[in-house]
Amino acid sequence: MVRVRNGLNNGGYMAKESDENFEIKNEESTSWEETDLFKNRFAESTPGEMIFASRDMRGWSQAALAEKLGKSSHYVSDLENGRRSVSRKMAVALGDVFGCDPALFFNF
């Protein structure tokens, strides 16, 4: 069992089953999305899947994320399901909300 800091403001931890080895260099400043474990698991993911994974790891509903972004739940659903592409401005907003690199939400 590996304990991974989930990025919640309360400093909570989420238990995840994993056989992978990884290192968190500075736990206080590293978001879950910036760990090698996360990047390896989601390397082939779409921007929508990355949004879903980031939201789900925090236990947020689409409505909760939408409120943080100043958007509707329908908008978030469209992003997660690939019906709407992630603009540069939205990627920056997502990075701010999740505390991670906005590049995670782009398809390169």
PDB file of N, CA and C in Angstrom:
ATOM      1  N   MET A   1       0.854  -1.178   0.000  1.00  0.00           N
ATOM      2  CA  MET A   1       0.000   0.000   0.000  1.00  0.00           C
ATOM      3  C   MET A   1       0.891   1.228   0.000  1.00  0.00           C
ATOM      4  N   VAL A   2       0.615   2.146  -0.876  1.00  0.00           N
ATOM      5  CA  VAL A   2       1.381   3.384  -0.980  1.00  0.00           C
ATOM      6  C   VAL A   2       0.478   4.532  -0.586  1.00  0.00           C
ATOM      7  N   ARG A   3       0.967   5.447   0.226  1.00  0.00           N
ATOM      8  CA  ARG A   3       0.178   6.624   0.589  1.00  0.00           C
ATOM      9  C   ARG A   3       0.673   7.797  -0.238  1.00  0.00           C
ATOM     10  N   VAL A   4      -0.255   8.420  -0.934  1.00  0.00           N
ATOM     11  CA  VAL A   4       0.076   9.526  -1.818  1.00  0.00           C
ATOM     12  C   VAL A   4      -0.691  10.749  -1.378  1.00  0.00           C
ATOM     13  N   ARG A   5      -0.003  11.851  -1.219  1.00  0.00           N
ATOM     14  CA  ARG A   5      -0.664  13.106  -0.858  1.00  0.00           C
ATOM     15  C   ARG A   5      -1.608  13.467  -1.994  1.00  0.00           C
ATOM     16  N   ASN A   6      -2.861  13.730  -1.660  1.00  0.00           N
ATOM     17  CA  ASN A   6      -3.846  13.954  -2.707  1.00  0.00           C
ATOM     18  C   ASN A   6      -4.075  15.411  -3.046  1.00  0.00           C
ATOM     19  N   GLY A   7      -3.333  16.323  -2.464  1.00  0.00           N
ATOM     20  CA  GLY A   7      -3.447  17.721  -2.827  1.00  0.00           C
ATOM     21  C   GLY A   7      -4.565  18.477  -2.141  1.00  0.00           C
ATOM     22  N   LEU A   8      -5.275  17.851  -1.224  1.00  0.00           N
ATOM     23  CA  LEU A   8      -6.340  18.551  -0.526  1.00  0.00           C
ATOM     24  C   LEU A   8      -5.757  19.566   0.438  1.00  0.00           C
ATOM     25  N   ASN A   9      -6.472  20.654   0.638  1.00  0.00           N
ATOM     26  CA  ASN A   9      -5.993  21.704   1.527  1.00  0.00           C
ATOM     27  C   ASN A   9      -5.832  21.225   2.963  1.00  0.00           C
ATOM     28  N   ASN A  10      -6.576  20.200   3.341  1.00  0.00           N
ATOM     29  CA  ASN A  10      -6.484  19.713   4.717  1.00  0.00           C
ATOM     30  C   ASN A  10      -5.306  18.758   4.916  1.00  0.00           C
ATOM     31  N   GLY A  11      -4.498  18.560   3.872  1.00  0.00           N
ATOM     32  CA  GLY A  11      -3.319  17.705   3.998  1.00  0.00           C
ATOM     33  C   GLY A  11      -3.652  16.229   4.052  1.00  0.00           C
ATOM     34  N   GLY A  12      -4.845  15.853   3.608  1.00  0.00           N
ATOM     35  CA  GLY A  12      -5.271  14.464   3.662  1.00  0.00           C
ATOM     36  C   GLY A  12      -4.465  13.565   2.744  1.00  0.00           C
ATOM     37  N   TYR A  13      -4.578  12.286   2.967  1.00  0.00           N
ATOM     38  CA  TYR A  13      -3.899  11.307   2.143  1.00  0.00           C
ATOM     39  C   TYR A  13      -4.930  10.352   1.574  1.00  0.00           C
ATOM     40  N   MET A  14      -4.637   9.836   0.395  1.00  0.00           N
ATOM     41  CA  MET A  14      -5.507   8.855  -0.229  1.00  0.00           C
ATOM     42  C   MET A  14      -4.688   7.586  -0.429  1.00  0.00           C
ATOM     43  N   ALA A  15      -5.185   6.460   0.041  1.00  0.00           N
ATOM     44  CA  ALA A  15      -4.471   5.197  -0.116  1.00  0.00           C
ATOM     45  C   ALA A  15      -4.736   4.646  -1.506  1.00  0.00           C
ATOM     46  N   LYS A  16      -3.685   4.247  -2.199  1.00  0.00           N
ATOM     47  CA  LYS A  16      -3.805   3.663  -3.526  1.00  0.00           C
ATOM     48  C   LYS A  16      -2.974   2.390  -3.568  1.00  0.00           C
ATOM     49  N   GLU A  17      -3.542   1.328  -4.102  1.00  0.00           N
ATOM     50  CA  GLU A  17      -2.796   0.099  -4.310  1.00  0.00           C
ATOM     51  C   GLU A  17      -1.824   0.329  -5.458  1.00  0.00           C
ATOM     52  N   SER A  18      -0.577  -0.078  -5.287  1.00  0.00           N
ATOM     53  CA  SER A  18       0.394   0.096  -6.352  1.00  0.00           C
ATOM     54  C   SER A  18       1.597  -0.794  -6.114  1.00  0.00           C
ATOM     55  N   ASP A  19       2.105  -1.368  -7.201  1.00  0.00           N
ATOM     56  CA  ASP A  19       3.348  -2.120  -7.155  1.00  0.00           C
ATOM     57  C   ASP A  19       4.505  -1.259  -7.648  1.00  0.00           C
ATOM     58  N   GLU A  20       4.203  -0.043  -8.072  1.00  0.00           N
ATOM     59  CA  GLU A  20       5.215   0.837  -8.633  1.00  0.00           C
ATOM     60  C   GLU A  20       5.988   1.542  -7.528  1.00  0.00           C
ATOM     61  N   ASN A  21       7.266   1.753  -7.768  1.00  0.00           N
ATOM     62  CA  ASN A  21       8.095   2.527  -6.854  1.00  0.00           C
ATOM     63  C   ASN A  21       8.175   3.948  -7.366  1.00  0.00           C
ATOM     64  N   PHE A  22       8.070   4.902  -6.467  1.00  0.00           N
ATOM     65  CA  PHE A  22       8.214   6.289  -6.864  1.00  0.00           C
ATOM     66  C   PHE A  22       8.687   7.091  -5.675  1.00  0.00           C
ATOM     67  N   GLU A  23       9.183   8.282  -5.970  1.00  0.00           N
ATOM     68  CA  GLU A  23       9.721   9.139  -4.925  1.00  0.00           C
ATOM     69  C   GLU A  23       9.092  10.514  -5.055  1.00  0.00           C
ATOM     70  N   ILE A  24       8.691  11.068  -3.937  1.00  0.00           N
ATOM     71  CA  ILE A  24       8.215  12.441  -3.908  1.00  0.00           C
ATOM     72  C   ILE A  24       9.327  13.260  -3.280  1.00  0.00           C
ATOM     73  N   LYS A  25       9.895  14.161  -4.069  1.00  0.00           N
ATOM     74  CA  LYS A  25      11.065  14.913  -3.608  1.00  0.00           C
ATOM     75  C   LYS A  25      10.727  15.903  -2.507  1.00  0.00           C
ATOM     76  N   ASN A  26       9.649  16.624  -2.649  1.00  0.00           N
ATOM     77  CA  ASN A  26       9.250  17.607  -1.642  1.00  0.00           C
ATOM     78  C   ASN A  26       7.741  17.516  -1.499  1.00  0.00           C
ATOM     79  N   GLU A  27       7.294  16.744  -0.549  1.00  0.00           N
ATOM     80  CA  GLU A  27       5.873  16.454  -0.381  1.00  0.00           C
ATOM     81  C   GLU A  27       5.021  17.709  -0.244  1.00  0.00           C
ATOM     82  N   GLU A  28       5.545  18.739   0.369  1.00  0.00           N
ATOM     83  CA  GLU A  28       4.756  19.945   0.603  1.00  0.00           C
ATOM     84  C   GLU A  28       4.475  20.724  -0.670  1.00  0.00           C
ATOM     85  N   SER A  29       5.333  20.599  -1.699  1.00  0.00           N
ATOM     86  CA  SER A  29       5.144  21.396  -2.900  1.00  0.00           C
ATOM     87  C   SER A  29       4.849  20.570  -4.143  1.00  0.00           C
ATOM     88  N   THR A  30       4.649  19.275  -3.994  1.00  0.00           N
ATOM     89  CA  THR A  30       4.401  18.413  -5.138  1.00  0.00           C
ATOM     90  C   THR A  30       2.947  17.976  -5.160  1.00  0.00           C
ATOM     91  N   SER A  31       2.253  18.352  -6.224  1.00  0.00           N
ATOM     92  CA  SER A  31       0.869  17.888  -6.364  1.00  0.00           C
ATOM     93  C   SER A  31       0.887  16.460  -6.898  1.00  0.00           C
ATOM     94  N   TRP A  32      -0.179  15.745  -6.692  1.00  0.00           N
ATOM     95  CA  TRP A  32      -0.312  14.368  -7.168  1.00  0.00           C
ATOM     96  C   TRP A  32      -0.085  14.310  -8.663  1.00  0.00           C
ATOM     97  N   GLU A  33      -0.610  15.299  -9.401  1.00  0.00           N
ATOM     98  CA  GLU A  33      -0.481  15.314 -10.854  1.00  0.00           C
ATOM     99  C   GLU A  33       0.964  15.454 -11.325  1.00  0.00           C
ATOM    100  N   GLU A  34       1.848  15.941 -10.474  1.00  0.00           N
ATOM    101  CA  GLU A  34       3.234  16.146 -10.878  1.00  0.00           C
ATOM    102  C   GLU A  34       4.163  15.008 -10.461  1.00  0.00           C
ATOM    103  N   THR A  35       3.623  13.952  -9.863  1.00  0.00           N
ATOM    104  CA  THR A  35       4.455  12.802  -9.508  1.00  0.00           C
ATOM    105  C   THR A  35       4.684  11.936 -10.741  1.00  0.00           C
ATOM    106  N   ASP A  36       5.804  11.220 -10.767  1.00  0.00           N
ATOM    107  CA  ASP A  36       6.091  10.319 -11.877  1.00  0.00           C
ATOM    108  C   ASP A  36       5.039   9.224 -11.969  1.00  0.00           C
ATOM    109  N   LEU A  37       4.545   8.763 -10.838  1.00  0.00           N
ATOM    110  CA  LEU A  37       3.510   7.730 -10.829  1.00  0.00           C
ATOM    111  C   LEU A  37       2.291   8.193 -11.613  1.00  0.00           C
ATOM    112  N   PHE A  38       1.819   9.399 -11.337  1.00  0.00           N
ATOM    113  CA  PHE A  38       0.656   9.931 -12.039  1.00  0.00           C
ATOM    114  C   PHE A  38       0.958  10.080 -13.528  1.00  0.00           C
ATOM    115  N   LYS A  39       2.107  10.670 -13.850  1.00  0.00           N
ATOM    116  CA  LYS A  39       2.463  10.903 -15.255  1.00  0.00           C
ATOM    117  C   LYS A  39       2.577   9.594 -16.023  1.00  0.00           C
ATOM    118  N   ASN A  40       3.156   8.562 -15.407  1.00  0.00           N
ATOM    119  CA  ASN A  40       3.287   7.269 -16.074  1.00  0.00           C
ATOM    120  C   ASN A  40       1.935   6.606 -16.291  1.00  0.00           C
ATOM    121  N   ARG A  41       1.076   6.689 -15.312  1.00  0.00           N
ATOM    122  CA  ARG A  41      -0.240   6.060 -15.428  1.00  0.00           C
ATOM    123  C   ARG A  41      -1.130   6.750 -16.449  1.00  0.00           C
ATOM    124  N   PHE A  42      -0.978   8.062 -16.576  1.00  0.00           N
ATOM    125  CA  PHE A  42      -1.874   8.827 -17.431  1.00  0.00           C
ATOM    126  C   PHE A  42      -1.174   9.407 -18.652  1.00  0.00           C
ATOM    127  N   ALA A  43      -0.021   8.847 -19.035  1.00  0.00           N
ATOM    128  CA  ALA A  43       0.763   9.375 -20.154  1.00  0.00           C
ATOM    129  C   ALA A  43      -0.017   9.391 -21.466  1.00  0.00           C
ATOM    130  N   GLU A  44      -0.856   8.431 -21.687  1.00  0.00           N
ATOM    131  CA  GLU A  44      -1.615   8.332 -22.934  1.00  0.00           C
ATOM    132  C   GLU A  44      -3.035   8.871 -22.791  1.00  0.00           C
ATOM    133  N   SER A  45      -3.315   9.552 -21.716  1.00  0.00           N
ATOM    134  CA  SER A  45      -4.670  10.037 -21.447  1.00  0.00           C
ATOM    135  C   SER A  45      -4.998  11.285 -22.245  1.00  0.00           C
ATOM    136  N   THR A  46      -6.274  11.454 -22.515  1.00  0.00           N
ATOM    137  CA  THR A  46      -6.759  12.666 -23.165  1.00  0.00           C
ATOM    138  C   THR A  46      -6.848  13.777 -22.122  1.00  0.00           C
ATOM    139  N   PRO A  47      -6.933  15.033 -22.564  1.00  0.00           N
ATOM    140  CA  PRO A  47      -7.117  16.122 -21.601  1.00  0.00           C
ATOM    141  C   PRO A  47      -8.348  15.905 -20.717  1.00  0.00           C
ATOM    142  N   GLY A  48      -9.431  15.404 -21.298  1.00  0.00           N
ATOM    143  CA  GLY A  48     -10.642  15.144 -20.521  1.00  0.00           C
ATOM    144  C   GLY A  48     -10.427  14.101 -19.443  1.00  0.00           C
ATOM    145  N   GLU A  49      -9.675  13.054 -19.770  1.00  0.00           N
ATOM    146  CA  GLU A  49      -9.366  12.022 -18.780  1.00  0.00           C
ATOM    147  C   GLU A  49      -8.483  12.584 -17.668  1.00  0.00           C
ATOM    148  N   MET A  50      -7.590  13.494 -18.017  1.00  0.00           N
ATOM    149  CA  MET A  50      -6.739  14.133 -17.009  1.00  0.00           C
ATOM    150  C   MET A  50      -7.571  14.999 -16.067  1.00  0.00           C
ATOM    151  N   ILE A  51      -8.537  15.716 -16.630  1.00  0.00           N
ATOM    152  CA  ILE A  51      -9.420  16.539 -15.798  1.00  0.00           C
ATOM    153  C   ILE A  51     -10.213  15.642 -14.860  1.00  0.00           C
ATOM    154  N   PHE A  52     -10.788  14.572 -15.419  1.00  0.00           N
ATOM    155  CA  PHE A  52     -11.567  13.647 -14.594  1.00  0.00           C
ATOM    156  C   PHE A  52     -10.707  13.065 -13.471  1.00  0.00           C
ATOM    157  N   ALA A  53      -9.499  12.583 -13.807  1.00  0.00           N
ATOM    158  CA  ALA A  53      -8.628  11.964 -12.800  1.00  0.00           C
ATOM    159  C   ALA A  53      -8.256  12.962 -11.705  1.00  0.00           C
ATOM    160  N   SER A  54      -7.937  14.185 -12.104  1.00  0.00           N
ATOM    161  CA  SER A  54      -7.562  15.213 -11.125  1.00  0.00           C
ATOM    162  C   SER A  54      -8.733  15.558 -10.216  1.00  0.00           C
ATOM    163  N   ARG A  55      -9.900  15.656 -10.805  1.00  0.00           N
ATOM    164  CA  ARG A  55     -11.115  15.971 -10.033  1.00  0.00           C
ATOM    165  C   ARG A  55     -11.470  14.809  -9.112  1.00  0.00           C
ATOM    166  N   ASP A  56     -11.431  13.605  -9.653  1.00  0.00           N
ATOM    167  CA  ASP A  56     -11.821  12.415  -8.903  1.00  0.00           C
ATOM    168  C   ASP A  56     -10.880  12.158  -7.720  1.00  0.00           C
ATOM    169  N   MET A  57      -9.591  12.408  -7.901  1.00  0.00           N
ATOM    170  CA  MET A  57      -8.623  12.206  -6.817  1.00  0.00           C
ATOM    171  C   MET A  57      -8.921  13.107  -5.624  1.00  0.00           C
ATOM    172  N   ARG A  58      -9.583  14.208  -5.875  1.00  0.00           N
ATOM    173  CA  ARG A  58      -9.917  15.137  -4.794  1.00  0.00           C
ATOM    174  C   ARG A  58     -11.323  14.908  -4.249  1.00  0.00           C
ATOM    175  N   GLY A  59     -12.054  13.990  -4.878  1.00  0.00           N
ATOM    176  CA  GLY A  59     -13.415  13.709  -4.431  1.00  0.00           C
ATOM    177  C   GLY A  59     -14.398  14.810  -4.795  1.00  0.00           C
ATOM    178  N   TRP A  60     -14.055  15.600  -5.818  1.00  0.00           N
ATOM    179  CA  TRP A  60     -14.928  16.700  -6.235  1.00  0.00           C
ATOM    180  C   TRP A  60     -15.939  16.217  -7.260  1.00  0.00           C
ATOM    181  N   SER A  61     -17.134  16.742  -7.187  1.00  0.00           N
ATOM    182  CA  SER A  61     -18.141  16.501  -8.219  1.00  0.00           C
ATOM    183  C   SER A  61     -17.859  17.437  -9.391  1.00  0.00           C
ATOM    184  N   GLN A  62     -18.518  17.180 -10.520  1.00  0.00           N
ATOM    185  CA  GLN A  62     -18.401  18.105 -11.648  1.00  0.00           C
ATOM    186  C   GLN A  62     -18.913  19.479 -11.243  1.00  0.00           C
ATOM    187  N   ALA A  63     -19.964  19.507 -10.434  1.00  0.00           N
ATOM    188  CA  ALA A  63     -20.526  20.785  -9.976  1.00  0.00           C
ATOM    189  C   ALA A  63     -19.518  21.554  -9.126  1.00  0.00           C
ATOM    190  N   ALA A  64     -18.779  20.849  -8.268  1.00  0.00           N
ATOM    191  CA  ALA A  64     -17.777  21.511  -7.417  1.00  0.00           C
ATOM    192  C   ALA A  64     -16.657  22.105  -8.269  1.00  0.00           C
ATOM    193  N   LEU A  65     -16.178  21.344  -9.255  1.00  0.00           N
ATOM    194  CA  LEU A  65     -15.134  21.863 -10.139  1.00  0.00           C
ATOM    195  C   LEU A  65     -15.666  23.031 -10.959  1.00  0.00           C
ATOM    196  N   ALA A  66     -16.884  22.893 -11.454  1.00  0.00           N
ATOM    197  CA  ALA A  66     -17.493  23.965 -12.247  1.00  0.00           C
ATOM    198  C   ALA A  66     -17.562  25.262 -11.448  1.00  0.00           C
ATOM    199  N   GLU A  67     -17.935  25.155 -10.194  1.00  0.00           N
ATOM    200  CA  GLU A  67     -18.025  26.344  -9.337  1.00  0.00           C
ATOM    201  C   GLU A  67     -16.654  27.000  -9.171  1.00  0.00           C
ATOM    202  N   LYS A  68     -15.622  26.188  -8.983  1.00  0.00           N
ATOM    203  CA  LYS A  68     -14.270  26.723  -8.819  1.00  0.00           C
ATOM    204  C   LYS A  68     -13.779  27.406 -10.096  1.00  0.00           C
ATOM    205  N   LEU A  69     -14.263  26.922 -11.250  1.00  0.00           N
ATOM    206  CA  LEU A  69     -13.858  27.484 -12.537  1.00  0.00           C
ATOM    207  C   LEU A  69     -14.763  28.621 -12.999  1.00  0.00           C
ATOM    208  N   GLY A  70     -15.902  28.790 -12.330  1.00  0.00           N
ATOM    209  CA  GLY A  70     -16.868  29.795 -12.770  1.00  0.00           C
ATOM    210  C   GLY A  70     -17.591  29.368 -14.034  1.00  0.00           C
ATOM    211  N   LYS A  71     -17.772  28.067 -14.196  1.00  0.00           N
ATOM    212  CA  LYS A  71     -18.431  27.490 -15.376  1.00  0.00           C
ATOM    213  C   LYS A  71     -19.596  26.625 -14.922  1.00  0.00           C
ATOM    214  N   SER A  72     -20.343  26.091 -15.882  1.00  0.00           N
ATOM    215  CA  SER A  72     -21.461  25.205 -15.561  1.00  0.00           C
ATOM    216  C   SER A  72     -20.980  23.755 -15.463  1.00  0.00           C
ATOM    217  N   SER A  73     -21.774  22.923 -14.813  1.00  0.00           N
ATOM    218  CA  SER A  73     -21.470  21.486 -14.741  1.00  0.00           C
ATOM    219  C   SER A  73     -21.458  20.882 -16.136  1.00  0.00           C
ATOM    220  N   HIS A  74     -22.345  21.372 -16.995  1.00  0.00           N
ATOM    221  CA  HIS A  74     -22.414  20.890 -18.378  1.00  0.00           C
ATOM    222  C   HIS A  74     -21.087  21.170 -19.098  1.00  0.00           C
ATOM    223  N   TYR A  75     -20.512  22.336 -18.857  1.00  0.00           N
ATOM    224  CA  TYR A  75     -19.227  22.709 -19.459  1.00  0.00           C
ATOM    225  C   TYR A  75     -18.139  21.726 -19.026  1.00  0.00           C
ATOM    226  N   VAL A  76     -18.080  21.434 -17.730  1.00  0.00           N
ATOM    227  CA  VAL A  76     -17.082  20.492 -17.209  1.00  0.00           C
ATOM    228  C   VAL A  76     -17.306  19.106 -17.806  1.00  0.00           C
ATOM    229  N   SER A  77     -18.552  18.681 -17.901  1.00  0.00           N
ATOM    230  CA  SER A  77     -18.873  17.391 -18.511  1.00  0.00           C
ATOM    231  C   SER A  77     -18.385  17.345 -19.957  1.00  0.00           C
ATOM    232  N   ASP A  78     -18.605  18.427 -20.688  1.00  0.00           N
ATOM    233  CA  ASP A  78     -18.145  18.495 -22.081  1.00  0.00           C
ATOM    234  C   ASP A  78     -16.620  18.401 -22.169  1.00  0.00           C
ATOM    235  N   LEU A  79     -15.912  19.056 -21.257  1.00  0.00           N
ATOM    236  CA  LEU A  79     -14.449  18.969 -21.237  1.00  0.00           C
ATOM    237  C   LEU A  79     -14.000  17.536 -20.973  1.00  0.00           C
ATOM    238  N   GLU A  80     -14.584  16.914 -19.956  1.00  0.00           N
ATOM    239  CA  GLU A  80     -14.177  15.561 -19.565  1.00  0.00           C
ATOM    240  C   GLU A  80     -14.482  14.527 -20.642  1.00  0.00           C
ATOM    241  N   ASN A  81     -15.542  14.741 -21.386  1.00  0.00           N
ATOM    242  CA  ASN A  81     -15.951  13.765 -22.395  1.00  0.00           C
ATOM    243  C   ASN A  81     -15.479  14.108 -23.801  1.00  0.00           C
ATOM    244  N   GLY A  82     -14.621  15.123 -23.922  1.00  0.00           N
ATOM    245  CA  GLY A  82     -14.033  15.457 -25.212  1.00  0.00           C
ATOM    246  C   GLY A  82     -14.957  16.162 -26.183  1.00  0.00           C
ATOM    247  N   ARG A  83     -16.100  16.633 -25.699  1.00  0.00           N
ATOM    248  CA  ARG A  83     -17.025  17.363 -26.578  1.00  0.00           C
ATOM    249  C   ARG A  83     -16.621  18.830 -26.698  1.00  0.00           C
ATOM    250  N   ARG A  84     -15.722  19.261 -25.835  1.00  0.00           N
ATOM    251  CA  ARG A  84     -15.204  20.629 -25.861  1.00  0.00           C
ATOM    252  C   ARG A  84     -13.695  20.519 -25.641  1.00  0.00           C
ATOM    253  N   SER A  85     -12.923  21.227 -26.454  1.00  0.00           N
ATOM    254  CA  SER A  85     -11.471  21.180 -26.265  1.00  0.00           C
ATOM    255  C   SER A  85     -11.047  22.157 -25.172  1.00  0.00           C
ATOM    256  N   VAL A  86      -9.899  21.878 -24.600  1.00  0.00           N
ATOM    257  CA  VAL A  86      -9.362  22.702 -23.518  1.00  0.00           C
ATOM    258  C   VAL A  86      -8.533  23.828 -24.139  1.00  0.00           C
ATOM    259  N   SER A  87      -8.980  25.046 -23.939  1.00  0.00           N
ATOM    260  CA  SER A  87      -8.241  26.207 -24.442  1.00  0.00           C
ATOM    261  C   SER A  87      -7.039  26.472 -23.541  1.00  0.00           C
ATOM    262  N   ARG A  88      -6.134  27.303 -24.013  1.00  0.00           N
ATOM    263  CA  ARG A  88      -4.979  27.684 -23.200  1.00  0.00           C
ATOM    264  C   ARG A  88      -5.445  28.346 -21.904  1.00  0.00           C
ATOM    265  N   LYS A  89      -6.429  29.239 -22.018  1.00  0.00           N
ATOM    266  CA  LYS A  89      -6.958  29.942 -20.845  1.00  0.00           C
ATOM    267  C   LYS A  89      -7.566  28.953 -19.841  1.00  0.00           C
ATOM    268  N   MET A  90      -8.308  27.961 -20.346  1.00  0.00           N
ATOM    269  CA  MET A  90      -8.915  26.968 -19.463  1.00  0.00           C
ATOM    270  C   MET A  90      -7.845  26.078 -18.836  1.00  0.00           C
ATOM    271  N   ALA A  91      -6.809  25.722 -19.589  1.00  0.00           N
ATOM    272  CA  ALA A  91      -5.726  24.903 -19.030  1.00  0.00           C
ATOM    273  C   ALA A  91      -5.051  25.631 -17.868  1.00  0.00           C
ATOM    274  N   VAL A  92      -4.856  26.935 -18.016  1.00  0.00           N
ATOM    275  CA  VAL A  92      -4.259  27.728 -16.935  1.00  0.00           C
ATOM    276  C   VAL A  92      -5.189  27.741 -15.726  1.00  0.00           C
ATOM    277  N   ALA A  93      -6.495  27.909 -15.970  1.00  0.00           N
ATOM    278  CA  ALA A  93      -7.474  27.907 -14.873  1.00  0.00           C
ATOM    279  C   ALA A  93      -7.483  26.549 -14.165  1.00  0.00           C
ATOM    280  N   LEU A  94      -7.435  25.463 -14.933  1.00  0.00           N
ATOM    281  CA  LEU A  94      -7.401  24.121 -14.345  1.00  0.00           C
ATOM    282  C   LEU A  94      -6.124  23.924 -13.529  1.00  0.00           C
ATOM    283  N   GLY A  95      -5.000  24.385 -14.064  1.00  0.00           N
ATOM    284  CA  GLY A  95      -3.738  24.300 -13.331  1.00  0.00           C
ATOM    285  C   GLY A  95      -3.802  25.047 -12.008  1.00  0.00           C
ATOM    286  N   ASP A  96      -4.445  26.217 -12.024  1.00  0.00           N
ATOM    287  CA  ASP A  96      -4.597  26.998 -10.790  1.00  0.00           C
ATOM    288  C   ASP A  96      -5.477  26.272  -9.778  1.00  0.00           C
ATOM    289  N   VAL A  97      -6.595  25.742 -10.252  1.00  0.00           N
ATOM    290  CA  VAL A  97      -7.548  25.057  -9.365  1.00  0.00           C
ATOM    291  C   VAL A  97      -6.933  23.788  -8.770  1.00  0.00           C
ATOM    292  N   PHE A  98      -6.220  23.025  -9.602  1.00  0.00           N
ATOM    293  CA  PHE A  98      -5.641  21.762  -9.144  1.00  0.00           C
ATOM    294  C   PHE A  98      -4.231  21.927  -8.567  1.00  0.00           C
ATOM    295  N   GLY A  99      -3.634  23.096  -8.731  1.00  0.00           N
ATOM    296  CA  GLY A  99      -2.285  23.323  -8.222  1.00  0.00           C
ATOM    297  C   GLY A  99      -1.229  22.533  -8.963  1.00  0.00           C
ATOM    298  N   CYS A 100      -1.358  22.466 -10.295  1.00  0.00           N
ATOM    299  CA  CYS A 100      -0.409  21.692 -11.090  1.00  0.00           C
ATOM    300  C   CYS A 100      -0.099  22.415 -12.402  1.00  0.00           C
ATOM    301  N   ASP A 101       0.754  21.820 -13.200  1.00  0.00           N
ATOM    302  CA  ASP A 101       1.171  22.378 -14.476  1.00  0.00           C
ATOM    303  C   ASP A 101       0.003  22.341 -15.470  1.00  0.00           C
ATOM    304  N   PRO A 102      -0.361  23.485 -16.067  1.00  0.00           N
ATOM    305  CA  PRO A 102      -1.453  23.516 -17.047  1.00  0.00           C
ATOM    306  C   PRO A 102      -1.218  22.605 -18.253  1.00  0.00           C
ATOM    307  N   ALA A 103       0.042  22.287 -18.550  1.00  0.00           N
ATOM    308  CA  ALA A 103       0.352  21.426 -19.695  1.00  0.00           C
ATOM    309  C   ALA A 103      -0.275  20.040 -19.570  1.00  0.00           C
ATOM    310  N   LEU A 104      -0.623  19.629 -18.363  1.00  0.00           N
ATOM    311  CA  LEU A 104      -1.265  18.319 -18.178  1.00  0.00           C
ATOM    312  C   LEU A 104      -2.595  18.225 -18.910  1.00  0.00           C
ATOM    313  N   PHE A 105      -3.186  19.366 -19.202  1.00  0.00           N
ATOM    314  CA  PHE A 105      -4.522  19.377 -19.787  1.00  0.00           C
ATOM    315  C   PHE A 105      -4.513  19.673 -21.284  1.00  0.00           C
ATOM    316  N   PHE A 106      -3.321  19.585 -21.895  1.00  0.00           N
ATOM    317  CA  PHE A 106      -3.186  19.743 -23.344  1.00  0.00           C
ATOM    318  C   PHE A 106      -2.878  18.408 -23.979  1.00  0.00           C
ATOM    319  N   ASN A 107      -3.287  18.251 -25.218  1.00  0.00           N
ATOM    320  CA  ASN A 107      -2.944  17.082 -26.013  1.00  0.00           C
ATOM    321  C   ASN A 107      -1.788  17.468 -26.921  1.00  0.00           C
ATOM    322  N   PHE A 108      -0.591  16.923 -26.677  1.00  0.00           N
ATOM    323  CA  PHE A 108       0.571  17.272 -27.501  1.00  0.00           C
ATOM    324  C   PHE A 108       0.768  16.247 -28.581  1.00  0.00           C
TER     325      PHE A 108
END
